[in-house]
Amino acid sequence: WQRRWVNSESKPGLGKFKLTAGKFYGDPVQDKGLQTSENSKFYAISSRFKPFSNKAKTLVVQYTVKHEQKIDCGGGYVKIFSSDLDQKNLSGDSRYYIMFGPDICGSETKKVHVILNYKNKPHPVKKPIRCKVDGYTHLYTLIIRPDQTCGVKIDNKMVASGNLEDDLDFLPPRKINDPTVRKPADWDDRIQIDDPNDIKPEATGFPYSDWDEPEHIVDTSAEKPKDWDDAVNGEWRYPLVKNPLYRGKWKPRQIDNPNYRGVWPHPQIDNPNYSPDFSIYSYENISIIGLDIWQVRAGTIFDNFLITDDEAYAEDFGDKTWGETKGPEKEMNMKQAEEEQEKERVTEEKYFEQRFKEKLERKKTSGRNRAVRNTIEKEEL
């Protein structure tokens, strides 16, 4: 693998990959993959193959990702490049054709990236696709077809599908709002309005007078600091504090608008700037697959890379690789977890047993000491 994969030298201190099946696996040989090995590092590595074009053909990009460290922040995606990439200078600034795969960071970012290059600009898919977040190996598949439809599969199950033109902002919209037509002046699209019968209570005393209370009041309990110098600091004034009686600005309650007519349907026309492009899906000189990622906690394993023009073959390949080892992988992980729990239980039992023996010994020692003291006290008496 070290002959097929080229490490980037774009900057010093890039993380290193190692070949391993990880701490648990379905098969010790088949499950070996490229694993990130250093925390809080950028990684950049790539592999070259014979250039090809997917014009008039389906393009399938598939691989497996295993976040056995249960990653909290880091990428697990791949990038596809043209043949002119300088692999030694691969970095986040390198222009790519396709970026695809999971990205996880914190509780909010748990998504599958699908970003395609069009006219030298990256265009991300608009549909949110959630990735897997457990510590097991998962199979990710991107399918791009000549009819400009696309699909994303996770574990050989379709999780998202659509049309490149509709799901990514490659082209201007086919239709636009008619600029010559404006919403009628009497069209009321407010769902709720102020209740005209709800009037601010007059400040005639409790409990209504506090509507007019100021937001801040003078803290008369404060005392002027002894070291305050009026000549240096200016005249001392009582500080302002938040008024506990302040209730905010009074607003009338909201009621349903009896004149609500809904959202005004703006008439649309054909967009004069729209021009169809039936070659969005295709790329020339596809020749390199790379891992260009950042990881806070290392341990992700990448394996089973496949680029093909056959959807059925990709699915079958996934079943014969990931599919055959996924079950044994979980079994091994569960067995390890049970063994670890048993080890912790034994360790805990030994700890409390030792504590009990020490406590018992202290009691015996304390009893002997009391017997000696009693004898001495009797002799002294």
Foldseek 3Di string as FASTA:
>chain_A
DPVFKDWAPQDPDAWAWDWFLFPFWLDGPLSTFTFTDDFFHWGKMKGWDFFDKQAQFKKKWKWKKFQLVLAAFKDDKKFWAFPPDPRNNDAPPDQTAWIWQFGHHHPPGFFIWTWGDDPSDIWTFQDTHGDDRHRFMKMWMWMAHLQQKIFIDINLHTDDIDGNVVGTVRWDDFKDFDPVDDDDPPADADFKDFDPPFDQDDLPDPPRVLQPPDQKDFDPVDDDDPPDDCVPPNDDDGDIDGDPSHPDHDGGDMDGDPRRDHDDDGDMDGDPRTDDDSCSRMDGRRIMMMDTMTGNDITMGMGDIDIDRDPVVVSVSCCVRVVSMRVSRVVRVVVVVVVVVVVVVVVVVVVVVVVVVVVVVVVVVVVVVVVVVVVVVVVVD
